[in-house]
C-alpha atoms as a PDB file:
ATOM      1  CA  UNK A   1     -35.641 -25.625  12.788  1.00  0.00           C
ATOM      2  CA  UNK A   2     -38.110 -23.228  11.444  1.00  0.00           C
ATOM      3  CA  UNK A   3     -40.723 -22.221  14.407  1.00  0.00           C
ATOM      4  CA  UNK A   4     -44.011 -19.988  13.378  1.00  0.00           C
ATOM      5  CA  UNK A   5     -45.742 -18.833  16.569  1.00  0.00           C
ATOM      6  CA  UNK A   6     -49.109 -16.769  16.940  1.00  0.00           C
ATOM      7  CA  UNK A   7     -52.753 -18.414  15.720  1.00  0.00           C
ATOM      8  CA  UNK A   8     -52.994 -15.628  12.256  1.00  0.00           C
ATOM      9  CA  UNK A   9     -49.458 -17.231  11.720  1.00  0.00           C
ATOM     10  CA  UNK A  10     -49.593 -20.656  11.907  1.00  0.00           C
ATOM     11  CA  UNK A  11     -53.688 -21.048  10.822  1.00  0.00           C
ATOM     12  CA  UNK A  12     -52.391 -18.958   7.779  1.00  0.00           C
ATOM     13  CA  UNK A  13     -50.007 -21.450   7.477  1.00  0.00           C
ATOM     14  CA  UNK A  14     -51.679 -24.477   7.383  1.00  0.00           C
ATOM     15  CA  UNK A  15     -54.069 -22.541   5.233  1.00  0.00           C
ATOM     16  CA  UNK A  16     -51.631 -21.838   2.303  1.00  0.00           C
ATOM     17  CA  UNK A  17     -50.049 -25.561   2.334  1.00  0.00           C
ATOM     18  CA  UNK A  18     -46.233 -23.613   1.832  1.00  0.00           C
ATOM     19  CA  UNK A  19     -44.566 -25.472   4.306  1.00  0.00           C
ATOM     20  CA  UNK A  20     -44.046 -28.861   6.005  1.00  0.00           C
ATOM     21  CA  UNK A  21     -45.084 -29.263   9.612  1.00  0.00           C
ATOM     22  CA  UNK A  22     -43.098 -31.315  11.666  1.00  0.00           C
ATOM     23  CA  UNK A  23     -45.580 -30.534  14.460  1.00  0.00           C
ATOM     24  CA  UNK A  24     -47.661 -28.198  16.138  1.00  0.00           C
ATOM     25  CA  UNK A  25     -47.293 -26.906  19.790  1.00  0.00           C
ATOM     26  CA  UNK A  26     -50.266 -25.877  22.081  1.00  0.00           C
ATOM     27  CA  UNK A  27     -50.451 -24.704  25.619  1.00  0.00           C
ATOM     28  CA  UNK A  28     -51.732 -26.652  27.935  1.00  0.00           C
ATOM     29  CA  UNK A  29     -53.583 -24.450  29.827  1.00  0.00           C
ATOM     30  CA  UNK A  30     -55.767 -22.819  26.695  1.00  0.00           C
ATOM     31  CA  UNK A  31     -58.787 -23.903  25.740  1.00  0.00           C
ATOM     32  CA  UNK A  32     -60.437 -20.800  23.223  1.00  0.00           C
ATOM     33  CA  UNK A  33     -62.036 -21.565  20.145  1.00  0.00           C
ATOM     34  CA  UNK A  34     -59.721 -20.425  17.512  1.00  0.00           C
ATOM     35  CA  UNK A  35     -57.056 -22.428  19.163  1.00  0.00           C
ATOM     36  CA  UNK A  36     -59.445 -25.662  19.118  1.00  0.00           C
ATOM     37  CA  UNK A  37     -59.604 -25.114  14.985  1.00  0.00           C
ATOM     38  CA  UNK A  38     -55.968 -24.961  14.656  1.00  0.00           C
ATOM     39  CA  UNK A  39     -55.687 -28.300  16.678  1.00  0.00           C
ATOM     40  CA  UNK A  40     -59.130 -29.656  14.288  1.00  0.00           C
ATOM     41  CA  UNK A  41     -57.395 -28.144  11.398  1.00  0.00           C
ATOM     42  CA  UNK A  42     -54.031 -30.231  12.187  1.00  0.00           C
ATOM     43  CA  UNK A  43     -55.595 -33.731  12.896  1.00  0.00           C
ATOM     44  CA  UNK A  44     -57.448 -33.163   9.721  1.00  0.00           C
ATOM     45  CA  UNK A  45     -54.556 -32.550   7.299  1.00  0.00           C
ATOM     46  CA  UNK A  46     -52.135 -35.335   9.597  1.00  0.00           C
ATOM     47  CA  UNK A  47     -50.148 -32.915  11.593  1.00  0.00           C
ATOM     48  CA  UNK A  48     -48.995 -34.410  14.988  1.00  0.00           C
ATOM     49  CA  UNK A  49     -50.182 -31.471  17.580  1.00  0.00           C
ATOM     50  CA  UNK A  50     -48.085 -31.502  21.011  1.00  0.00           C
ATOM     51  CA  UNK A  51     -49.740 -29.829  24.662  1.00  0.00           C
ATOM     52  CA  UNK A  52     -46.924 -28.205  25.941  1.00  0.00           C
ATOM     53  CA  UNK A  53     -46.154 -25.378  29.507  1.00  0.00           C
ATOM     54  CA  UNK A  54     -45.973 -21.655  28.491  1.00  0.00           C
ATOM     55  CA  UNK A  55     -42.084 -21.908  29.537  1.00  0.00           C
ATOM     56  CA  UNK A  56     -41.782 -24.580  26.770  1.00  0.00           C
ATOM     57  CA  UNK A  57     -43.223 -22.498  23.912  1.00  0.00           C
ATOM     58  CA  UNK A  58     -41.552 -19.179  25.176  1.00  0.00           C
ATOM     59  CA  UNK A  59     -38.464 -21.089  24.765  1.00  0.00           C
ATOM     60  CA  UNK A  60     -39.151 -22.505  21.159  1.00  0.00           C
ATOM     61  CA  UNK A  61     -40.604 -18.683  20.071  1.00  0.00           C
ATOM     62  CA  UNK A  62     -38.012 -16.890  21.699  1.00  0.00           C
ATOM     63  CA  UNK A  63     -40.398 -14.822  23.098  1.00  0.00           C
ATOM     64  CA  UNK A  64     -43.651 -14.580  24.950  1.00  0.00           C
ATOM     65  CA  UNK A  65     -45.905 -13.442  21.705  1.00  0.00           C
ATOM     66  CA  UNK A  66     -47.154 -16.932  20.827  1.00  0.00           C
ATOM     67  CA  UNK A  67     -50.487 -16.715  22.215  1.00  0.00           C
ATOM     68  CA  UNK A  68     -50.067 -20.277  22.759  1.00  0.00           C
ATOM     69  CA  UNK A  69     -49.349 -21.588  19.466  1.00  0.00           C
ATOM     70  CA  UNK A  70     -45.849 -22.669  18.136  1.00  0.00           C
ATOM     71  CA  UNK A  71     -45.570 -24.868  14.963  1.00  0.00           C
ATOM     72  CA  UNK A  72     -42.077 -26.378  13.814  1.00  0.00           C
ATOM     73  CA  UNK A  73     -42.242 -26.291  10.083  1.00  0.00           C
ATOM     74  CA  UNK A  74     -39.652 -26.129   7.030  1.00  0.00           C
ATOM     75  CA  UNK A  75     -38.321 -23.206   5.657  1.00  0.00           C
ATOM     76  CA  UNK A  76     -40.200 -20.313   3.538  1.00  0.00           C
ATOM     77  CA  UNK A  77     -40.104 -21.216   0.372  1.00  0.00           C
ATOM     78  CA  UNK A  78     -39.020 -18.279  -2.054  1.00  0.00           C
ATOM     79  CA  UNK A  79     -39.952 -18.165  -5.534  1.00  0.00           C
ATOM     80  CA  UNK A  80     -38.346 -16.915  -8.580  1.00  0.00           C
ATOM     81  CA  UNK A  81     -38.956 -13.493 -10.627  1.00  0.00           C
ATOM     82  CA  UNK A  82     -40.727 -14.731 -13.081  1.00  0.00           C
ATOM     83  CA  UNK A  83     -43.370 -16.766 -10.560  1.00  0.00           C
ATOM     84  CA  UNK A  84     -44.021 -13.121  -9.409  1.00  0.00           C
ATOM     85  CA  UNK A  85     -44.882 -11.854 -13.003  1.00  0.00           C
ATOM     86  CA  UNK A  86     -47.194 -14.806 -13.472  1.00  0.00           C
ATOM     87  CA  UNK A  87     -48.662 -14.527 -10.579  1.00  0.00           C
ATOM     88  CA  UNK A  88     -50.688 -11.396 -11.746  1.00  0.00           C
ATOM     89  CA  UNK A  89     -54.314 -10.922  -9.936  1.00  0.00           C
ATOM     90  CA  UNK A  90     -55.679  -8.397 -11.775  1.00  0.00           C
ATOM     91  CA  UNK A  91     -55.756  -6.236 -14.902  1.00  0.00           C
ATOM     92  CA  UNK A  92     -51.965  -4.666 -14.162  1.00  0.00           C
ATOM     93  CA  UNK A  93     -49.288  -6.336 -12.211  1.00  0.00           C
ATOM     94  CA  UNK A  94     -48.439  -4.594  -9.258  1.00  0.00           C
ATOM     95  CA  UNK A  95     -44.952  -5.827  -7.783  1.00  0.00           C
ATOM     96  CA  UNK A  96     -43.019  -4.591  -4.179  1.00  0.00           C
ATOM     97  CA  UNK A  97     -39.773  -3.889  -4.835  1.00  0.00           C
ATOM     98  CA  UNK A  98     -37.943  -3.764  -1.139  1.00  0.00           C
ATOM     99  CA  UNK A  99     -34.410  -2.356  -1.685  1.00  0.00           C
ATOM    100  CA  UNK A 100     -32.504  -3.882   1.812  1.00  0.00           C
ATOM    101  CA  UNK A 101     -35.091  -3.281   4.638  1.00  0.00           C
ATOM    102  CA  UNK A 102     -33.465  -5.273   7.435  1.00  0.00           C
ATOM    103  CA  UNK A 103     -35.676  -4.965  10.187  1.00  0.00           C
ATOM    104  CA  UNK A 104     -37.889  -7.884  10.554  1.00  0.00           C
ATOM    105  CA  UNK A 105     -40.958  -6.148  11.767  1.00  0.00           C
ATOM    106  CA  UNK A 106     -41.052  -3.609   9.085  1.00  0.00           C
ATOM    107  CA  UNK A 107     -40.769  -6.212   6.615  1.00  0.00           C
ATOM    108  CA  UNK A 108     -43.448  -8.320   8.381  1.00  0.00           C
ATOM    109  CA  UNK A 109     -45.549  -5.123   8.084  1.00  0.00           C
ATOM    110  CA  UNK A 110     -44.812  -4.369   4.357  1.00  0.00           C
ATOM    111  CA  UNK A 111     -46.222  -8.057   3.682  1.00  0.00           C
ATOM    112  CA  UNK A 112     -48.862  -7.679   4.717  1.00  0.00           C
ATOM    113  CA  UNK A 113     -49.866  -4.387   3.305  1.00  0.00           C
ATOM    114  CA  UNK A 114     -48.904  -5.599  -0.257  1.00  0.00           C
ATOM    115  CA  UNK A 115     -51.128  -8.705   0.652  1.00  0.00           C
ATOM    116  CA  UNK A 116     -53.940  -6.494   1.459  1.00  0.00           C
ATOM    117  CA  UNK A 117     -53.014  -4.240  -1.647  1.00  0.00           C
ATOM    118  CA  UNK A 118     -53.590  -7.245  -4.108  1.00  0.00           C
ATOM    119  CA  UNK A 119     -50.005  -7.009  -4.757  1.00  0.00           C
ATOM    120  CA  UNK A 120     -48.845  -9.803  -7.004  1.00  0.00           C
ATOM    121  CA  UNK A 121     -45.665 -10.493  -4.746  1.00  0.00           C
ATOM    122  CA  UNK A 122     -42.583  -9.333  -3.318  1.00  0.00           C
ATOM    123  CA  UNK A 123     -39.245  -8.671  -4.194  1.00  0.00           C
ATOM    124  CA  UNK A 124     -36.334  -9.017  -1.700  1.00  0.00           C
ATOM    125  CA  UNK A 125     -32.545  -9.141  -1.588  1.00  0.00           C
ATOM    126  CA  UNK A 126     -30.447 -12.391  -0.708  1.00  0.00           C
ATOM    127  CA  UNK A 127     -28.117 -10.457   1.664  1.00  0.00           C
ATOM    128  CA  UNK A 128     -28.244  -7.461   4.051  1.00  0.00           C
ATOM    129  CA  UNK A 129     -31.770  -7.425   4.542  1.00  0.00           C
ATOM    130  CA  UNK A 130     -34.542  -9.271   6.247  1.00  0.00           C
ATOM    131  CA  UNK A 131     -35.878 -12.704   4.939  1.00  0.00           C
ATOM    132  CA  UNK A 132     -38.707 -14.440   5.984  1.00  0.00           C
ATOM    133  CA  UNK A 133     -38.212 -15.290   9.982  1.00  0.00           C
ATOM    134  CA  UNK A 134     -41.121 -16.501  12.311  1.00  0.00           C
ATOM    135  CA  UNK A 135     -41.062 -12.803  13.392  1.00  0.00           C
ATOM    136  CA  UNK A 136     -41.635 -11.406  10.258  1.00  0.00           C
ATOM    137  CA  UNK A 137     -44.687 -14.154   9.689  1.00  0.00           C
ATOM    138  CA  UNK A 138     -46.489 -12.882  13.254  1.00  0.00           C
ATOM    139  CA  UNK A 139     -46.118  -9.281  12.051  1.00  0.00           C
ATOM    140  CA  UNK A 140     -47.733  -9.930   8.733  1.00  0.00           C
ATOM    141  CA  UNK A 141     -50.682 -11.850  10.541  1.00  0.00           C
ATOM    142  CA  UNK A 142     -49.802 -14.721   8.114  1.00  0.00           C
ATOM    143  CA  UNK A 143     -49.694 -12.670   4.740  1.00  0.00           C
ATOM    144  CA  UNK A 144     -46.053 -14.220   4.370  1.00  0.00           C
ATOM    145  CA  UNK A 145     -47.531 -17.709   3.981  1.00  0.00           C
ATOM    146  CA  UNK A 146     -49.689 -16.588   0.804  1.00  0.00           C
ATOM    147  CA  UNK A 147     -47.760 -13.901  -0.547  1.00  0.00           C
ATOM    148  CA  UNK A 148     -45.153 -15.004  -3.505  1.00  0.00           C
ATOM    149  CA  UNK A 149     -41.554 -13.306  -2.004  1.00  0.00           C
ATOM    150  CA  UNK A 150     -38.799 -13.388  -4.577  1.00  0.00           C
ATOM    151  CA  UNK A 151     -35.207 -13.312  -3.099  1.00  0.00           C
ATOM    152  CA  UNK A 152     -32.487 -11.636  -5.375  1.00  0.00           C
ATOM    153  CA  UNK A 153     -28.881 -11.862  -5.817  1.00  0.00           C
ATOM    154  CA  UNK A 154     -29.345  -7.773  -7.529  1.00  0.00           C
ATOM    155  CA  UNK A 155     -31.931  -5.508  -7.274  1.00  0.00           C
ATOM    156  CA  UNK A 156     -30.764  -3.704  -9.724  1.00  0.00           C
ATOM    157  CA  UNK A 157     -30.420  -6.670 -12.223  1.00  0.00           C
ATOM    158  CA  UNK A 158     -34.249  -7.799 -10.897  1.00  0.00           C
ATOM    159  CA  UNK A 159     -35.529  -4.254 -12.040  1.00  0.00           C
ATOM    160  CA  UNK A 160     -34.080  -4.684 -15.370  1.00  0.00           C
ATOM    161  CA  UNK A 161     -36.362  -8.020 -15.910  1.00  0.00           C
ATOM    162  CA  UNK A 162     -39.635  -6.577 -15.205  1.00  0.00           C
ATOM    163  CA  UNK A 163     -38.877  -3.651 -17.497  1.00  0.00           C
ATOM    164  CA  UNK A 164     -38.251  -6.382 -20.000  1.00  0.00           C
ATOM    165  CA  UNK A 165     -42.280  -8.089 -18.922  1.00  0.00           C
ATOM    166  CA  UNK A 166     -43.336  -4.316 -19.642  1.00  0.00           C
ATOM    167  CA  UNK A 167     -43.518  -3.179 -16.012  1.00  0.00           C
ATOM    168  CA  UNK A 168     -42.555   0.832 -15.240  1.00  0.00           C
ATOM    169  CA  UNK A 169     -40.627   1.114 -12.219  1.00  0.00           C
ATOM    170  CA  UNK A 170     -41.805   3.569  -9.702  1.00  0.00           C
ATOM    171  CA  UNK A 171     -39.198   4.382  -6.612  1.00  0.00           C
ATOM    172  CA  UNK A 172     -40.305   5.851  -3.556  1.00  0.00           C
ATOM    173  CA  UNK A 173     -37.552   8.617  -2.739  1.00  0.00           C
ATOM    174  CA  UNK A 174     -37.899  11.713  -0.214  1.00  0.00           C
ATOM    175  CA  UNK A 175     -36.124  13.762  -3.269  1.00  0.00           C
ATOM    176  CA  UNK A 176     -38.338  12.483  -5.933  1.00  0.00           C
ATOM    177  CA  UNK A 177     -39.601  15.386  -8.276  1.00  0.00           C
ATOM    178  CA  UNK A 178     -43.369  14.119  -8.531  1.00  0.00           C
ATOM    179  CA  UNK A 179     -45.503  13.268  -5.420  1.00  0.00           C
ATOM    180  CA  UNK A 180     -46.719   9.854  -5.311  1.00  0.00           C
ATOM    181  CA  UNK A 181     -50.029  10.594  -6.322  1.00  0.00           C
ATOM    182  CA  UNK A 182     -49.663  12.460  -8.959  1.00  0.00           C
ATOM    183  CA  UNK A 183     -48.547   8.955 -11.116  1.00  0.00           C
ATOM    184  CA  UNK A 184     -51.022   7.071 -13.236  1.00  0.00           C
ATOM    185  CA  UNK A 185     -50.865   3.708 -11.697  1.00  0.00           C
ATOM    186  CA  UNK A 186     -52.945   2.170 -14.745  1.00  0.00           C
ATOM    187  CA  UNK A 187     -49.921   0.372 -15.745  1.00  0.00           C
ATOM    188  CA  UNK A 188     -47.998  -2.841 -14.983  1.00  0.00           C
ATOM    189  CA  UNK A 189     -45.469  -1.281 -12.361  1.00  0.00           C
ATOM    190  CA  UNK A 190     -43.284  -2.248  -9.616  1.00  0.00           C
ATOM    191  CA  UNK A 191     -42.843   0.001  -6.718  1.00  0.00           C
ATOM    192  CA  UNK A 192     -39.385   0.074  -4.937  1.00  0.00           C
ATOM    193  CA  UNK A 193     -38.305   1.299  -1.587  1.00  0.00           C
ATOM    194  CA  UNK A 194     -35.465   1.689   0.062  1.00  0.00           C
ATOM    195  CA  UNK A 195     -33.842   0.919   3.321  1.00  0.00           C
ATOM    196  CA  UNK A 196     -34.771   2.334   6.567  1.00  0.00           C
ATOM    197  CA  UNK A 197     -32.854   5.809   6.843  1.00  0.00           C
ATOM    198  CA  UNK A 198     -30.973   4.623   3.826  1.00  0.00           C
ATOM    199  CA  UNK A 199     -33.492   5.161   1.216  1.00  0.00           C
ATOM    200  CA  UNK A 200     -32.914   4.080  -2.258  1.00  0.00           C
ATOM    201  CA  UNK A 201     -29.612   3.092  -3.791  1.00  0.00           C
ATOM    202  CA  UNK A 202     -28.084   5.386  -6.308  1.00  0.00           C
ATOM    203  CA  UNK A 203     -27.964   2.217  -8.980  1.00  0.00           C
ATOM    204  CA  UNK A 204     -31.030   0.979  -8.163  1.00  0.00           C
ATOM    205  CA  UNK A 205     -32.602   4.795  -8.064  1.00  0.00           C
ATOM    206  CA  UNK A 206     -31.554   5.014 -11.501  1.00  0.00           C
ATOM    207  CA  UNK A 207     -33.498   2.156 -12.698  1.00  0.00           C
ATOM    208  CA  UNK A 208     -36.545   4.082 -11.957  1.00  0.00           C
ATOM    209  CA  UNK A 209     -38.358   4.881 -14.642  1.00  0.00           C
ATOM    210  CA  UNK A 210     -40.277   7.629 -12.024  1.00  0.00           C
ATOM    211  CA  UNK A 211     -39.487   8.806  -8.774  1.00  0.00           C
ATOM    212  CA  UNK A 212     -42.275   9.941  -6.832  1.00  0.00           C
ATOM    213  CA  UNK A 213     -42.569  11.077  -2.814  1.00  0.00           C
ATOM    214  CA  UNK A 214     -44.705  11.680  -0.036  1.00  0.00           C
ATOM    215  CA  UNK A 215     -44.855  15.264   0.981  1.00  0.00           C
ATOM    216  CA  UNK A 216     -44.193  15.933   4.674  1.00  0.00           C
ATOM    217  CA  UNK A 217     -46.381  18.550   6.454  1.00  0.00           C
ATOM    218  CA  UNK A 218     -44.908  18.366   9.927  1.00  0.00           C
ATOM    219  CA  UNK A 219     -41.412  18.768  11.132  1.00  0.00           C
ATOM    220  CA  UNK A 220     -40.279  14.816  10.989  1.00  0.00           C
ATOM    221  CA  UNK A 221     -39.059  14.500   7.225  1.00  0.00           C
ATOM    222  CA  UNK A 222     -39.916  10.769   6.610  1.00  0.00           C
ATOM    223  CA  UNK A 223     -41.662   8.089   7.465  1.00  0.00           C
ATOM    224  CA  UNK A 224     -41.459   4.590   8.610  1.00  0.00           C
ATOM    225  CA  UNK A 225     -40.741   2.625   5.263  1.00  0.00           C
ATOM    226  CA  UNK A 226     -43.965   0.472   6.275  1.00  0.00           C
ATOM    227  CA  UNK A 227     -46.214   3.195   6.594  1.00  0.00           C
ATOM    228  CA  UNK A 228     -44.872   5.219   3.219  1.00  0.00           C
ATOM    229  CA  UNK A 229     -45.862   1.178   1.304  1.00  0.00           C
ATOM    230  CA  UNK A 230     -49.071   1.623   3.028  1.00  0.00           C
ATOM    231  CA  UNK A 231     -49.642   5.185   1.497  1.00  0.00           C
ATOM    232  CA  UNK A 232     -48.060   4.363  -1.771  1.00  0.00           C
ATOM    233  CA  UNK A 233     -49.880   0.788  -2.309  1.00  0.00           C
ATOM    234  CA  UNK A 234     -53.302   1.975  -1.878  1.00  0.00           C
ATOM    235  CA  UNK A 235     -53.118   5.122  -3.735  1.00  0.00           C
ATOM    236  CA  UNK A 236     -52.502   2.323  -6.450  1.00  0.00           C
ATOM    237  CA  UNK A 237     -55.529   0.569  -5.315  1.00  0.00           C
ATOM    238  CA  UNK A 238     -57.401   3.979  -5.250  1.00  0.00           C
ATOM    239  CA  UNK A 239     -57.071   4.513  -8.890  1.00  0.00           C
ATOM    240  CA  UNK A 240     -57.318   0.752 -10.127  1.00  0.00           C
ATOM    241  CA  UNK A 241     -60.296   0.417  -8.228  1.00  0.00           C
ATOM    242  CA  UNK A 242     -62.054   4.282  -9.845  1.00  0.00           C
ATOM    243  CA  UNK A 243     -61.244   3.333 -13.166  1.00  0.00           C
ATOM    244  CA  UNK A 244     -62.405  -0.041 -12.465  1.00  0.00           C
ATOM    245  CA  UNK A 245     -66.244   1.420 -11.372  1.00  0.00           C
ATOM    246  CA  UNK A 246     -66.137   3.726 -14.482  1.00  0.00           C
END
């Protein structure tokens, strides 16, 4: 049983039409307008609505952060790498590659940021890494339901496939010789982020065309991976918007 929870998460999943919904559970005691909109959408598309106690919703969600809304659905459908390349939103490709991010909260935050930055999709490994769970979907505020996500067996091989499709590979590494804002991102590119506390694997690092770092001015030597993702991705956005405005 796959469970989504939270108002934004369930609402976005209903809009995205990427999952089959078995039913949606709503807290009996909640009557606010956002829940009413979700109920109306369920009835419009023929999804069964059940009214449940908060205790029942807590049990289904596995926590109390469901905001009075839980959905029982099919599993997240992952994409092929080729789908991400074909899904280019703008003039230049932007794909985010995650080299083993394990914390569901970090993955959810990165998915939300990648969607906000207009990324074409995210690549994750199928082993020793977080997948799109209910927690990830909740943290992403539903972005996980709209953003193409490819699950691959080998990150290094996937980087080579991206290169063969004319994407440049930019790896974020604290030892990177260039600062993240010294690269010209007005090109088809993939931004690669490493695992928490480990960074990029050596083999993945060797497949990068550029290795960049974020200057650290304080005493802590590194940033949380989801924060680092936001900094780099919105530098890409800044440069591309500036070029488009000229």
